[in-house]
Amino acid sequence: MKLKHLISIDDLKKDEIIYLLELAEEFLPVAEGKKIRKDLEGNLLANLFFEPSTRTRMSFEVAMKRLGGNVVNMTAQEASSIAKGETLADTIKVVSKYVDVIVLRHPLEGAARFAAEHSDVPVINAGDGAGQHPTQTLLDLYTIKKESKLDRLKIALVGDLKYSRTVHSLIKALALFKSEIFLVSPQSLNLPEEILEEIERKTKIEKAELEDIIDYVDVLYVTRIQKERFPDEEEYLKVAGSYKIDLNILKKAKSSTIIMHPLPRVDEIDISVDKTHYAKYFQQAFYGVPVRMAILYELLRR
């Protein structure tokens, strides 16, 4: 691979995605603490998070440390020079002098691409507004590969398809694997038309009602309706709670179906589902560690 930054899933070809998933499998026992490797010893990662995060920030930190590297965190914007008026460009220019790789989460779409243009070291997009979240996509694909199948996959994307950056990244990757995709969302949260048109040229995709496809799909990928993305709270309240996966609806699902969620959840998956064999969302979160190990290794090993 000749990867300098990871900003969008579009930065990766299908064979490069497969390579990273295979590399993640190699790192799985390291992520589980069963093996020790020091491939990234002497390297330093900076987590620059301008939005809240638990799983993404911590899994990058665990991934780096499991491979012998170290981490510095900036998670409070008010405690940094940003609060004094420093531009993102200047922040990146300075931080990239200190560390070997930067992981950036930012509320503005396009911020990660902008940061990469000003950085001396690799930049990894950990989510840019309603834009993309490529490392989440890779761990999603790894979860599907481990817990279901990637070939001839039938998947329903449920919930917020308009603002969900996880969906925007994942759907592009699913098209590479010729998955059959069903879109389940309130009308006001439909997948953006430009993304829909792009995917329609590559694979089978259609809007559907959950009840009509629950007995057909291999994967239910459920997303939170994100209150923080709505410009108007009244519009959010109109769609809040539109979908809820519970034991009753799962009576119609195939026994092999798996349920995924990028987390955090609110009430879109009932907690009674957690103990069923369908629930893979907590395992999905763990798979972020070996996948992010693979990404860091690939960006830093040269």
Protein backbone atom coordinates (compact mmCIF):
# COMPACT_ATOMS: atom_id res chain seq x y z
CA MET A 1 0.00 0.00 0.00
CA LYS A 2 1.06 3.60 -0.62
CA LEU A 3 -1.16 5.21 1.97
CA LYS A 4 -0.01 8.55 3.40
CA HIS A 5 -3.24 9.58 5.15
CA LEU A 6 -6.62 7.93 5.76
CA ILE A 7 -9.30 10.56 5.25
CA SER A 8 -12.05 8.77 3.34
CA ILE A 9 -12.91 5.18 2.52
CA ASP A 10 -12.50 6.37 -1.09
CA ASP A 11 -8.76 6.50 -0.37
CA LEU A 12 -8.74 2.68 -0.40
CA LYS A 13 -9.21 0.20 -3.22
CA LYS A 14 -11.05 -3.06 -2.58
CA ASP A 15 -7.85 -5.11 -2.46
CA GLU A 16 -6.35 -2.64 0.02
CA ILE A 17 -9.40 -2.98 2.26
CA ILE A 18 -9.07 -6.77 2.14
CA TYR A 19 -5.38 -6.47 2.97
CA LEU A 20 -6.13 -4.30 6.05
CA LEU A 21 -8.80 -6.75 7.23
CA GLU A 22 -6.32 -9.62 6.91
CA LEU A 23 -3.71 -7.59 8.78
CA ALA A 24 -6.24 -6.88 11.53
CA GLU A 25 -6.79 -10.62 11.88
CA GLU A 26 -3.05 -11.02 12.43
CA PHE A 27 -3.20 -8.41 15.20
CA LEU A 28 -6.30 -9.88 16.89
CA PRO A 29 -4.39 -11.92 19.52
CA VAL A 30 -2.33 -8.81 20.31
CA ALA A 31 -5.53 -6.82 20.84
CA GLU A 32 -6.78 -9.59 23.12
CA GLY A 33 -3.57 -9.43 25.18
CA LYS A 34 -2.59 -12.98 24.21
CA LYS A 35 0.53 -11.92 22.29
CA ILE A 36 2.98 -9.05 22.70
CA ARG A 37 4.35 -7.05 19.78
CA LYS A 38 6.37 -3.84 19.74
CA ASP A 39 6.16 -2.91 16.06
CA LEU A 40 5.44 0.77 16.82
CA GLU A 41 7.83 1.24 19.72
CA GLY A 42 9.25 4.77 19.67
CA ASN A 43 6.26 6.20 17.78
CA LEU A 44 3.92 8.79 19.25
CA LEU A 45 0.24 9.34 18.35
CA ALA A 46 -1.73 12.54 18.98
CA ASN A 47 -5.46 12.21 19.53
CA LEU A 48 -7.01 15.57 18.60
CA PHE A 49 -10.71 15.35 19.40
CA PHE A 50 -12.88 18.42 18.99
CA GLU A 51 -16.02 16.34 19.54
CA PRO A 52 -16.80 13.84 22.32
CA SER A 53 -15.64 10.27 21.84
CA THR A 54 -15.21 7.16 23.93
CA ARG A 55 -14.71 4.13 21.68
CA THR A 56 -12.78 5.73 18.83
CA ARG A 57 -10.35 7.67 21.02
CA MET A 58 -9.76 4.84 23.50
CA SER A 59 -9.41 2.14 20.83
CA PHE A 60 -6.78 4.18 19.01
CA GLU A 61 -4.94 4.64 22.28
CA VAL A 62 -5.16 0.94 23.13
CA ALA A 63 -4.09 -0.02 19.59
CA MET A 64 -1.03 2.22 19.73
CA LYS A 65 0.02 1.08 23.19
CA ARG A 66 -0.54 -2.61 22.44
CA LEU A 67 2.00 -2.20 19.64
CA GLY A 68 4.54 -0.48 21.87
CA GLY A 69 3.85 3.14 20.92
CA ASN A 70 2.63 5.99 23.06
CA VAL A 71 -0.18 8.55 22.96
CA VAL A 72 -0.87 12.17 23.84
CA ASN A 73 -4.46 13.39 24.03
CA MET A 74 -6.16 16.71 23.43
CA THR A 75 -9.83 16.29 24.19
CA ALA A 76 -10.84 19.64 25.69
CA GLN A 77 -10.92 22.41 23.09
CA GLU A 78 -11.23 25.03 25.82
CA ALA A 79 -7.93 23.88 27.34
CA SER A 80 -6.00 24.41 24.12
CA SER A 81 -4.86 27.35 22.06
CA ILE A 82 -7.95 26.89 19.87
CA ALA A 83 -9.81 28.78 22.60
CA LYS A 84 -7.39 31.66 22.05
CA GLY A 85 -8.23 31.85 18.37
CA GLU A 86 -5.54 29.59 16.87
CA THR A 87 -6.55 28.17 13.49
CA LEU A 88 -6.84 24.44 12.84
CA ALA A 89 -4.07 24.76 10.25
CA ASP A 90 -1.65 26.21 12.80
CA THR A 91 -2.59 23.62 15.40
CA ILE A 92 -1.88 20.81 12.92
CA LYS A 93 1.40 22.37 11.81
CA VAL A 94 2.61 22.52 15.41
CA VAL A 95 1.33 19.13 16.58
CA SER A 96 2.77 17.37 13.54
CA LYS A 97 6.20 18.56 14.66
CA TYR A 98 5.72 16.72 17.96
CA VAL A 99 4.31 13.35 16.93
CA ASP A 100 4.40 10.65 14.25
CA VAL A 101 0.68 10.36 13.48
CA ILE A 102 -2.44 12.44 14.17
CA VAL A 103 -5.96 11.11 14.75
CA LEU A 104 -8.47 13.93 14.26
CA ARG A 105 -12.16 14.23 15.07
CA HIS A 106 -13.76 17.52 14.15
CA PRO A 107 -17.35 18.81 13.83
CA LEU A 108 -16.78 20.31 10.37
CA GLU A 109 -17.02 18.16 7.27
CA GLY A 110 -13.77 18.34 5.33
CA ALA A 111 -11.66 19.22 8.37
CA ALA A 112 -9.57 16.05 8.17
CA ARG A 113 -8.72 16.59 4.50
CA PHE A 114 -7.79 20.19 5.31
CA ALA A 115 -5.61 19.02 8.23
CA ALA A 116 -3.78 16.52 6.02
CA GLU A 117 -2.78 19.35 3.70
CA HIS A 118 -1.01 21.10 6.60
CA SER A 119 0.50 18.09 8.36
CA ASP A 120 4.04 16.71 8.20
CA VAL A 121 2.81 13.31 9.44
CA PRO A 122 -0.07 10.96 8.55
CA VAL A 123 -3.57 12.15 9.49
CA ILE A 124 -6.36 9.69 10.24
CA ASN A 125 -9.94 10.91 10.02
CA ALA A 126 -11.80 9.85 13.18
CA GLY A 127 -15.01 11.54 12.00
CA ASP A 128 -15.60 14.93 10.40
CA GLY A 129 -19.10 16.23 11.07
CA ALA A 130 -21.61 14.41 8.88
CA GLY A 131 -18.81 13.54 6.44
CA GLN A 132 -16.93 10.26 6.78
CA HIS A 133 -15.52 7.88 9.38
CA PRO A 134 -13.28 5.47 7.45
CA THR A 135 -11.79 3.57 10.40
CA GLN A 136 -15.30 2.82 11.65
CA THR A 137 -16.10 1.44 8.21
CA LEU A 138 -13.08 -0.86 8.31
CA LEU A 139 -14.02 -2.22 11.72
CA ASP A 140 -17.60 -2.63 10.51
CA LEU A 141 -16.39 -4.67 7.54
CA TYR A 142 -14.13 -6.71 9.82
CA THR A 143 -17.12 -7.43 12.10
CA ILE A 144 -19.24 -8.52 9.14
CA LYS A 145 -16.42 -10.74 7.89
CA LYS A 146 -15.94 -12.35 11.32
CA GLU A 147 -19.58 -12.66 12.39
CA SER A 148 -21.43 -13.05 9.07
CA LYS A 149 -20.14 -12.89 5.49
CA LEU A 150 -18.92 -10.27 3.05
CA ASP A 151 -19.80 -12.20 -0.09
CA ARG A 152 -23.36 -11.70 -1.37
CA LEU A 153 -24.21 -9.75 1.78
CA LYS A 154 -27.75 -8.46 2.28
CA ILE A 155 -27.75 -5.55 4.72
CA ALA A 156 -30.30 -3.06 6.04
CA LEU A 157 -29.09 0.38 7.12
CA VAL A 158 -31.57 1.61 9.70
CA GLY A 159 -32.16 5.03 11.27
CA ASP A 160 -30.29 8.23 10.48
CA LEU A 161 -28.97 7.91 6.95
CA LYS A 162 -28.75 11.66 6.33
CA TYR A 163 -26.32 12.76 9.01
CA SER A 164 -24.61 9.48 9.92
CA ARG A 165 -20.99 9.64 8.80
CA THR A 166 -20.63 5.94 9.64
CA VAL A 167 -23.32 5.14 7.06
CA HIS A 168 -21.82 7.50 4.48
CA SER A 169 -18.49 5.68 4.70
CA LEU A 170 -19.83 2.15 5.08
CA ILE A 171 -22.19 2.33 2.11
CA LYS A 172 -19.31 3.21 -0.22
CA ALA A 173 -17.37 0.16 0.94
CA LEU A 174 -20.41 -2.10 0.69
CA ALA A 175 -20.76 -1.06 -2.95
CA LEU A 176 -17.21 -2.33 -3.61
CA PHE A 177 -18.29 -5.75 -2.34
CA LYS A 178 -21.52 -5.70 -4.42
CA SER A 179 -23.71 -5.98 -1.33
CA GLU A 180 -27.48 -5.78 -1.59
CA ILE A 181 -28.42 -2.70 0.45
CA PHE A 182 -31.76 -1.70 1.96
CA LEU A 183 -32.34 1.82 3.29
CA VAL A 184 -34.71 2.11 6.24
CA SER A 185 -35.22 5.64 7.56
CA PRO A 186 -37.75 8.41 8.15
CA GLN A 187 -38.32 10.48 5.01
CA SER A 188 -36.50 13.47 6.50
CA LEU A 189 -33.43 11.33 7.21
CA ASN A 190 -33.06 9.67 3.82
CA LEU A 191 -29.61 9.02 2.44
CA PRO A 192 -28.35 12.17 0.65
CA GLU A 193 -29.34 12.01 -3.00
CA GLU A 194 -25.79 12.44 -4.31
CA ILE A 195 -24.61 9.40 -2.33
CA LEU A 196 -27.64 7.36 -3.41
CA GLU A 197 -26.98 8.14 -7.08
CA GLU A 198 -23.33 7.14 -6.71
CA ILE A 199 -24.16 3.80 -5.07
CA GLU A 200 -26.98 2.99 -7.51
CA ARG A 201 -24.37 2.89 -10.28
CA LYS A 202 -22.36 0.26 -8.42
CA THR A 203 -24.69 -2.17 -6.63
CA LYS A 204 -28.31 -2.98 -5.80
CA ILE A 205 -29.83 -0.50 -3.37
CA GLU A 206 -33.43 0.32 -2.49
CA LYS A 207 -35.58 1.98 0.14
CA ALA A 208 -37.62 -0.40 2.27
CA GLU A 209 -39.74 -0.88 5.36
CA LEU A 210 -38.08 -2.85 8.14
CA GLU A 211 -40.98 -5.30 8.46
CA ASP A 212 -40.67 -6.21 4.78
CA ILE A 213 -37.00 -7.21 4.84
CA ILE A 214 -36.29 -8.33 8.43
CA ASP A 215 -36.59 -12.01 7.40
CA TYR A 216 -34.28 -11.52 4.40
CA VAL A 217 -31.22 -9.56 5.48
CA ASP A 218 -27.99 -10.90 6.98
CA VAL A 219 -27.14 -7.70 8.84
CA LEU A 220 -29.18 -5.01 10.57
CA TYR A 221 -26.93 -1.96 10.87
CA VAL A 222 -28.75 0.36 13.26
CA THR A 223 -27.81 3.99 13.84
CA ARG A 224 -28.74 6.55 16.46
CA ILE A 225 -30.84 9.50 15.35
CA GLN A 226 -28.34 12.22 16.18
CA LYS A 227 -29.91 15.12 17.99
CA GLU A 228 -26.69 17.14 17.81
CA ARG A 229 -26.76 17.16 13.98
CA PHE A 230 -30.20 18.72 13.68
CA PRO A 231 -30.33 22.49 13.12
CA ASP A 232 -33.85 22.54 14.61
CA GLU A 233 -34.82 20.58 17.75
CA GLU A 234 -38.45 20.40 16.62
CA GLU A 235 -37.36 18.50 13.52
CA TYR A 236 -35.44 16.07 15.72
CA LEU A 237 -38.46 15.47 17.95
CA LYS A 238 -40.54 14.54 14.88
CA VAL A 239 -38.29 11.55 14.14
CA ALA A 240 -36.89 10.61 17.56
CA GLY A 241 -37.72 7.01 18.37
CA SER A 242 -38.78 6.18 14.80
CA TYR A 243 -37.25 2.71 14.97
CA LYS A 244 -36.68 0.31 17.83
CA ILE A 245 -35.21 -3.16 17.51
CA ASP A 246 -36.69 -5.43 20.16
CA LEU A 247 -37.33 -9.11 20.75
CA ASN A 248 -40.72 -8.94 19.11
CA ILE A 249 -39.44 -7.76 15.73
CA LEU A 250 -36.55 -10.23 15.90
CA LYS A 251 -39.02 -13.13 15.92
CA LYS A 252 -39.19 -12.58 12.15
CA ALA A 253 -35.41 -12.44 11.63
CA LYS A 254 -33.24 -15.27 10.36
CA SER A 255 -31.33 -17.07 13.11
CA SER A 256 -28.08 -16.10 11.37
CA THR A 257 -28.87 -12.38 11.23
CA ILE A 258 -26.55 -10.11 13.20
CA ILE A 259 -27.26 -6.65 14.64
CA MET A 260 -24.59 -3.97 14.49
CA HIS A 261 -24.47 -0.41 15.82
CA PRO A 262 -21.58 2.08 15.79
CA LEU A 263 -22.60 3.22 19.31
CA PRO A 264 -23.51 5.06 21.40
CA ARG A 265 -27.14 3.97 21.33
CA VAL A 266 -30.06 5.73 22.95
CA ASP A 267 -33.27 3.70 22.64
CA GLU A 268 -33.08 2.32 19.10
CA ILE A 269 -32.04 -1.15 20.33
CA ASP A 270 -33.83 -2.47 23.41
CA ILE A 271 -31.45 -3.73 26.10
CA SER A 272 -33.25 -7.09 26.04
CA VAL A 273 -31.54 -7.70 22.68
CA ASP A 274 -28.08 -7.49 24.28
CA LYS A 275 -28.15 -11.07 25.57
CA THR A 276 -29.31 -12.61 22.29
CA HIS A 277 -27.06 -14.21 19.70
CA TYR A 278 -28.09 -11.46 17.26
CA ALA A 279 -26.26 -8.72 19.19
CA LYS A 280 -22.74 -8.05 17.89
CA TYR A 281 -22.38 -4.32 18.64
CA PHE A 282 -20.19 -4.67 21.72
CA GLN A 283 -17.91 -7.15 19.93
CA GLN A 284 -17.96 -4.72 17.00
CA ALA A 285 -16.58 -1.99 19.29
CA PHE A 286 -13.75 -4.28 20.41
CA TYR A 287 -12.83 -5.10 16.81
CA GLY A 288 -11.87 -1.45 16.47
CA VAL A 289 -8.63 -2.27 18.30
CA PRO A 290 -7.09 -4.81 15.86
CA VAL A 291 -8.38 -2.83 12.87
CA ARG A 292 -6.82 0.41 14.13
CA MET A 293 -3.63 -1.50 14.88
CA ALA A 294 -3.51 -2.50 11.22
CA ILE A 295 -4.06 1.09 10.07
CA LEU A 296 -1.40 2.53 12.38
CA TYR A 297 1.06 -0.20 11.43
CA GLU A 298 0.54 0.43 7.73
CA LEU A 299 0.95 4.22 8.06
CA LEU A 300 3.97 4.13 10.38
CA ARG A 301 6.02 1.07 9.49
CA ARG A 302 7.89 2.68 6.57
